[in-house]
């Protein structure tokens, strides 16, 4: 929980549930990257650590030529890659990690979210990713309370050792 204002936590709020650049275009707005960076710097000054959400993936456009990947680089953050559990996860995760590596962004680890273990791919993906990436993989089982209670999810991730990953404070 935080007492910071919503305007500081979310310096750009768009109505449409879609990537920031096309959502801003629909509203005939432009996203001010300096405002985003100023909010980040102020929050960094106030807090020992933060979680900065990537609005859908590293190649999501924030502006026409600015992607989430660029924002991670500008903020000098390490990445925790959150992925789906099933078929296609290996490809999606490895492509994401390759793009991070190309930009020199350190990978702290991977979180497989909404895991149910129903398919062979779901059951084997955590072990395969851990072996390929040589990074910790946390599996978050599908639990309705995590969707509505961020504090419960944060406590779960902390118990799983998230803050002992490399490159994290």
C-alpha atoms as a PDB file:
ATOM      1  CA  UNK A   1       0.000   0.000   0.000  1.00  0.00           C
ATOM      2  CA  UNK A   2       1.112   3.546  -0.686  1.00  0.00           C
ATOM      3  CA  UNK A   3      -0.051   7.055   0.083  1.00  0.00           C
ATOM      4  CA  UNK A   4       1.331   8.415  -3.205  1.00  0.00           C
ATOM      5  CA  UNK A   5      -1.190  10.140  -5.463  1.00  0.00           C
ATOM      6  CA  UNK A   6      -2.648   8.269  -8.414  1.00  0.00           C
ATOM      7  CA  UNK A   7      -1.320  11.030 -10.719  1.00  0.00           C
ATOM      8  CA  UNK A   8       2.200  10.192  -9.555  1.00  0.00           C
ATOM      9  CA  UNK A   9       1.789   6.398  -9.727  1.00  0.00           C
ATOM     10  CA  UNK A  10       0.036   6.582 -13.097  1.00  0.00           C
ATOM     11  CA  UNK A  11       1.139   9.830 -14.774  1.00  0.00           C
ATOM     12  CA  UNK A  12      -0.660   8.944 -18.023  1.00  0.00           C
ATOM     13  CA  UNK A  13      -4.172   7.523 -17.848  1.00  0.00           C
ATOM     14  CA  UNK A  14      -5.914   6.486 -21.049  1.00  0.00           C
ATOM     15  CA  UNK A  15      -9.482   5.244 -21.450  1.00  0.00           C
ATOM     16  CA  UNK A  16      -9.058   2.420 -23.969  1.00  0.00           C
ATOM     17  CA  UNK A  17      -7.704  -0.930 -22.769  1.00  0.00           C
ATOM     18  CA  UNK A  18      -5.024  -1.197 -25.415  1.00  0.00           C
ATOM     19  CA  UNK A  19      -1.391  -0.246 -26.077  1.00  0.00           C
ATOM     20  CA  UNK A  20      -0.598   3.339 -24.980  1.00  0.00           C
ATOM     21  CA  UNK A  21       0.300   4.772 -28.400  1.00  0.00           C
ATOM     22  CA  UNK A  22      -2.913   3.752 -30.233  1.00  0.00           C
ATOM     23  CA  UNK A  23      -4.995   4.514 -27.116  1.00  0.00           C
ATOM     24  CA  UNK A  24      -3.518   8.032 -26.961  1.00  0.00           C
ATOM     25  CA  UNK A  25      -4.139   8.445 -30.701  1.00  0.00           C
ATOM     26  CA  UNK A  26      -7.837   7.615 -30.195  1.00  0.00           C
ATOM     27  CA  UNK A  27      -8.021  10.365 -27.583  1.00  0.00           C
ATOM     28  CA  UNK A  28      -6.009  12.733 -29.793  1.00  0.00           C
ATOM     29  CA  UNK A  29      -3.333  12.950 -27.097  1.00  0.00           C
ATOM     30  CA  UNK A  30       0.403  12.531 -26.997  1.00  0.00           C
ATOM     31  CA  UNK A  31       2.234  10.750 -24.207  1.00  0.00           C
ATOM     32  CA  UNK A  32       4.743  13.015 -22.495  1.00  0.00           C
ATOM     33  CA  UNK A  33       7.732  10.799 -21.757  1.00  0.00           C
ATOM     34  CA  UNK A  34       9.379  13.440 -19.581  1.00  0.00           C
ATOM     35  CA  UNK A  35       6.287  13.445 -17.344  1.00  0.00           C
ATOM     36  CA  UNK A  36       6.569   9.645 -17.042  1.00  0.00           C
ATOM     37  CA  UNK A  37      10.287   9.884 -16.204  1.00  0.00           C
ATOM     38  CA  UNK A  38       9.733  12.724 -13.701  1.00  0.00           C
ATOM     39  CA  UNK A  39       7.108  10.631 -11.879  1.00  0.00           C
ATOM     40  CA  UNK A  40       9.491   7.666 -11.842  1.00  0.00           C
ATOM     41  CA  UNK A  41      12.330   9.789 -10.424  1.00  0.00           C
ATOM     42  CA  UNK A  42      10.070  11.195  -7.697  1.00  0.00           C
ATOM     43  CA  UNK A  43       8.775   7.756  -6.706  1.00  0.00           C
ATOM     44  CA  UNK A  44      12.348   6.405  -6.715  1.00  0.00           C
ATOM     45  CA  UNK A  45      13.332   9.173  -4.330  1.00  0.00           C
ATOM     46  CA  UNK A  46      10.449   8.296  -1.973  1.00  0.00           C
ATOM     47  CA  UNK A  47      10.725   4.503  -1.933  1.00  0.00           C
ATOM     48  CA  UNK A  48      13.419   1.865  -1.382  1.00  0.00           C
ATOM     49  CA  UNK A  49      12.075  -0.293  -4.226  1.00  0.00           C
ATOM     50  CA  UNK A  50       9.210  -0.304  -6.702  1.00  0.00           C
ATOM     51  CA  UNK A  51       7.527  -2.596  -9.168  1.00  0.00           C
ATOM     52  CA  UNK A  52       7.184  -0.928 -12.564  1.00  0.00           C
ATOM     53  CA  UNK A  53       4.595  -2.695 -14.687  1.00  0.00           C
ATOM     54  CA  UNK A  54       5.328  -3.049 -18.390  1.00  0.00           C
ATOM     55  CA  UNK A  55       1.826  -2.437 -19.833  1.00  0.00           C
ATOM     56  CA  UNK A  56       1.628  -5.686 -21.774  1.00  0.00           C
ATOM     57  CA  UNK A  57       5.098  -6.589 -22.963  1.00  0.00           C
ATOM     58  CA  UNK A  58       8.443  -5.121 -23.927  1.00  0.00           C
ATOM     59  CA  UNK A  59       7.513  -4.349 -27.537  1.00  0.00           C
ATOM     60  CA  UNK A  60       4.289  -2.503 -26.726  1.00  0.00           C
ATOM     61  CA  UNK A  61       4.478   1.005 -28.231  1.00  0.00           C
ATOM     62  CA  UNK A  62       4.229   3.882 -25.798  1.00  0.00           C
ATOM     63  CA  UNK A  63       4.801   6.391 -28.594  1.00  0.00           C
ATOM     64  CA  UNK A  64       5.333   5.722 -32.293  1.00  0.00           C
ATOM     65  CA  UNK A  65       9.042   5.005 -31.825  1.00  0.00           C
ATOM     66  CA  UNK A  66       9.211   4.398 -28.067  1.00  0.00           C
ATOM     67  CA  UNK A  67       8.524   0.961 -26.645  1.00  0.00           C
ATOM     68  CA  UNK A  68       8.338  -0.472 -23.124  1.00  0.00           C
ATOM     69  CA  UNK A  69      11.828  -1.855 -23.769  1.00  0.00           C
ATOM     70  CA  UNK A  70      13.112   1.718 -24.205  1.00  0.00           C
ATOM     71  CA  UNK A  71      11.474   2.776 -20.960  1.00  0.00           C
ATOM     72  CA  UNK A  72      13.090  -0.105 -19.037  1.00  0.00           C
ATOM     73  CA  UNK A  73      16.459   0.957 -20.469  1.00  0.00           C
ATOM     74  CA  UNK A  74      15.930   4.658 -19.626  1.00  0.00           C
ATOM     75  CA  UNK A  75      14.912   3.786 -16.067  1.00  0.00           C
ATOM     76  CA  UNK A  76      17.942   1.473 -15.714  1.00  0.00           C
ATOM     77  CA  UNK A  77      15.759  -1.363 -14.450  1.00  0.00           C
ATOM     78  CA  UNK A  78      16.278  -5.084 -14.476  1.00  0.00           C
ATOM     79  CA  UNK A  79      13.468  -7.203 -15.859  1.00  0.00           C
ATOM     80  CA  UNK A  80      11.190  -9.735 -14.274  1.00  0.00           C
ATOM     81  CA  UNK A  81       9.421 -11.370 -17.202  1.00  0.00           C
ATOM     82  CA  UNK A  82       5.859 -12.487 -16.443  1.00  0.00           C
ATOM     83  CA  UNK A  83       4.553 -15.122 -18.854  1.00  0.00           C
ATOM     84  CA  UNK A  84       1.525 -17.293 -19.462  1.00  0.00           C
ATOM     85  CA  UNK A  85       1.848 -20.990 -18.613  1.00  0.00           C
ATOM     86  CA  UNK A  86       0.861 -22.957 -21.711  1.00  0.00           C
ATOM     87  CA  UNK A  87       1.844 -23.774 -25.254  1.00  0.00           C
ATOM     88  CA  UNK A  88       3.926 -20.995 -26.829  1.00  0.00           C
ATOM     89  CA  UNK A  89       5.452 -19.893 -23.534  1.00  0.00           C
ATOM     90  CA  UNK A  90       8.972 -21.029 -24.372  1.00  0.00           C
ATOM     91  CA  UNK A  91       9.043 -19.104 -27.655  1.00  0.00           C
ATOM     92  CA  UNK A  92       7.445 -15.979 -26.177  1.00  0.00           C
ATOM     93  CA  UNK A  93       9.752 -15.968 -23.165  1.00  0.00           C
ATOM     94  CA  UNK A  94      12.944 -16.649 -25.113  1.00  0.00           C
ATOM     95  CA  UNK A  95      12.135 -13.921 -27.669  1.00  0.00           C
ATOM     96  CA  UNK A  96      11.508 -11.463 -24.843  1.00  0.00           C
ATOM     97  CA  UNK A  97      14.736 -12.389 -23.076  1.00  0.00           C
ATOM     98  CA  UNK A  98      16.702 -12.116 -26.346  1.00  0.00           C
ATOM     99  CA  UNK A  99      15.389  -8.574 -26.881  1.00  0.00           C
ATOM    100  CA  UNK A 100      16.287  -7.631 -23.291  1.00  0.00           C
ATOM    101  CA  UNK A 101      19.783  -9.054 -23.740  1.00  0.00           C
ATOM    102  CA  UNK A 102      20.265  -7.163 -27.023  1.00  0.00           C
ATOM    103  CA  UNK A 103      19.581  -3.899 -25.141  1.00  0.00           C
ATOM    104  CA  UNK A 104      21.807  -4.844 -22.203  1.00  0.00           C
ATOM    105  CA  UNK A 105      18.876  -5.083 -19.763  1.00  0.00           C
ATOM    106  CA  UNK A 106      19.553  -7.642 -17.029  1.00  0.00           C
ATOM    107  CA  UNK A 107      17.070 -10.465 -16.501  1.00  0.00           C
ATOM    108  CA  UNK A 108      16.303 -11.157 -12.861  1.00  0.00           C
ATOM    109  CA  UNK A 109      13.962 -14.057 -13.439  1.00  0.00           C
ATOM    110  CA  UNK A 110      10.653 -15.294 -14.808  1.00  0.00           C
ATOM    111  CA  UNK A 111       7.224 -15.568 -13.232  1.00  0.00           C
ATOM    112  CA  UNK A 112       4.786 -18.002 -14.806  1.00  0.00           C
ATOM    113  CA  UNK A 113       1.371 -16.592 -13.931  1.00  0.00           C
ATOM    114  CA  UNK A 114      -2.029 -18.334 -13.780  1.00  0.00           C
ATOM    115  CA  UNK A 115      -0.407 -21.802 -13.769  1.00  0.00           C
ATOM    116  CA  UNK A 116      -2.779 -24.774 -13.517  1.00  0.00           C
ATOM    117  CA  UNK A 117      -0.564 -27.673 -14.611  1.00  0.00           C
ATOM    118  CA  UNK A 118      -3.244 -29.202 -16.796  1.00  0.00           C
ATOM    119  CA  UNK A 119      -1.140 -29.686 -19.925  1.00  0.00           C
ATOM    120  CA  UNK A 120       2.255 -31.253 -20.504  1.00  0.00           C
ATOM    121  CA  UNK A 121       3.564 -27.871 -21.724  1.00  0.00           C
ATOM    122  CA  UNK A 122       2.458 -26.201 -18.480  1.00  0.00           C
ATOM    123  CA  UNK A 123       4.057 -28.907 -16.380  1.00  0.00           C
ATOM    124  CA  UNK A 124       7.418 -28.843 -18.201  1.00  0.00           C
ATOM    125  CA  UNK A 125       7.813 -25.129 -19.052  1.00  0.00           C
ATOM    126  CA  UNK A 126       9.089 -24.019 -15.611  1.00  0.00           C
ATOM    127  CA  UNK A 127      11.923 -26.557 -15.580  1.00  0.00           C
ATOM    128  CA  UNK A 128      12.837 -25.961 -19.240  1.00  0.00           C
ATOM    129  CA  UNK A 129      12.968 -22.172 -18.779  1.00  0.00           C
ATOM    130  CA  UNK A 130      15.038 -22.473 -15.620  1.00  0.00           C
ATOM    131  CA  UNK A 131      17.578 -24.682 -17.421  1.00  0.00           C
ATOM    132  CA  UNK A 132      17.729 -22.522 -20.561  1.00  0.00           C
ATOM    133  CA  UNK A 133      17.891 -19.143 -18.823  1.00  0.00           C
ATOM    134  CA  UNK A 134      19.826 -20.135 -15.702  1.00  0.00           C
ATOM    135  CA  UNK A 135      17.474 -17.901 -13.732  1.00  0.00           C
ATOM    136  CA  UNK A 136      14.895 -18.606 -11.068  1.00  0.00           C
ATOM    137  CA  UNK A 137      11.385 -19.303 -12.291  1.00  0.00           C
ATOM    138  CA  UNK A 138       8.497 -18.727  -9.890  1.00  0.00           C
ATOM    139  CA  UNK A 139       5.220 -20.465 -10.643  1.00  0.00           C
ATOM    140  CA  UNK A 140       2.089 -18.645  -9.481  1.00  0.00           C
ATOM    141  CA  UNK A 141      -0.830 -21.045  -9.399  1.00  0.00           C
ATOM    142  CA  UNK A 142      -4.131 -19.711 -10.641  1.00  0.00           C
ATOM    143  CA  UNK A 143      -5.892 -18.262  -7.593  1.00  0.00           C
ATOM    144  CA  UNK A 144      -8.824 -15.852  -7.848  1.00  0.00           C
ATOM    145  CA  UNK A 145      -7.645 -13.914  -4.779  1.00  0.00           C
ATOM    146  CA  UNK A 146      -4.430 -12.861  -6.560  1.00  0.00           C
ATOM    147  CA  UNK A 147      -6.485 -11.145  -9.274  1.00  0.00           C
ATOM    148  CA  UNK A 148      -8.238  -8.944  -6.707  1.00  0.00           C
ATOM    149  CA  UNK A 149      -5.675  -8.713  -3.903  1.00  0.00           C
ATOM    150  CA  UNK A 150      -2.304  -7.395  -5.050  1.00  0.00           C
ATOM    151  CA  UNK A 151      -0.981  -7.455  -1.473  1.00  0.00           C
ATOM    152  CA  UNK A 152      -1.635 -11.226  -1.244  1.00  0.00           C
ATOM    153  CA  UNK A 153       0.217 -11.747  -4.528  1.00  0.00           C
ATOM    154  CA  UNK A 154       3.118  -9.568  -3.353  1.00  0.00           C
ATOM    155  CA  UNK A 155       3.391 -11.530  -0.105  1.00  0.00           C
ATOM    156  CA  UNK A 156       3.355 -14.795  -2.071  1.00  0.00           C
ATOM    157  CA  UNK A 157       6.133 -13.579  -4.401  1.00  0.00           C
ATOM    158  CA  UNK A 158       8.202 -12.363  -1.467  1.00  0.00           C
ATOM    159  CA  UNK A 159       7.873 -15.777   0.231  1.00  0.00           C
ATOM    160  CA  UNK A 160       8.988 -17.394  -3.035  1.00  0.00           C
ATOM    161  CA  UNK A 161      12.227 -15.401  -2.816  1.00  0.00           C
ATOM    162  CA  UNK A 162      11.581 -12.771  -5.498  1.00  0.00           C
ATOM    163  CA  UNK A 163      13.690 -10.121  -3.769  1.00  0.00           C
ATOM    164  CA  UNK A 164      16.689 -12.441  -3.586  1.00  0.00           C
ATOM    165  CA  UNK A 165      16.962 -12.606  -7.378  1.00  0.00           C
ATOM    166  CA  UNK A 166      20.028 -11.145  -9.071  1.00  0.00           C
ATOM    167  CA  UNK A 167      19.875  -7.469 -10.114  1.00  0.00           C
ATOM    168  CA  UNK A 168      17.030  -6.649  -7.705  1.00  0.00           C
ATOM    169  CA  UNK A 169      17.571  -4.409  -4.666  1.00  0.00           C
END
